[in-house]
Amino acid sequence: MSTASHQPAAEPIAAPSAPGRTTEREQIRALADTLVRAYGLHPAEITRIPEGTATDNYAIVDQTGQRHFAKVYRTREHLDRERASVELSEFAADGGVATARATRTREHDLLETHGRLPMSLWSYVPHTATAEGGLAGARWAAAGTAMGRLHSR
């Protein structure tokens, strides 16, 4: 998606809570609008990532070629919990755990909650697995090492 011709949608589009509520194209357009307005980020490419239990996830490439990861929350019902989760991730990263970093909005918030799509934006970490993938082999030891770092802070 080129943002040179990108025009904000006239009507708000809510994040879909069930398939078919909005089309994928409408969702991507709303996400592009939110990225520009809330983060000042002009996307060149937006690709839906099929994983996600409570969020719709997207890989973003901005016009400079930098990659990002977006989580669009399907409802606004538990945004306080989502914010706490982002804060915990930031705590882990500050403690040396290799994890994605949240990108703050123009208003310095961890979550975008004022616009059409409640969302968070993250640094993109290649070759990662989601929580749904489980832990096996060396990942158990890596998770234990990371937890040890956090508990010793």
Foldseek 3Di string as FASTA:
>chain_A
DFCVPQDQDPDFDAAAPDPPSDDPVVVVSNVQVCCCVWAVFHFPDWDWDPDDDQWTKIWTQTPVRFIKIKTWGRDPPPVVVVQVVLVVQVLLVVLPQPDKHWDATPVRGQWDDPGRTIMTMTHDDPPDDDVVVPDDDCRVVSVVVSVVSSVVD
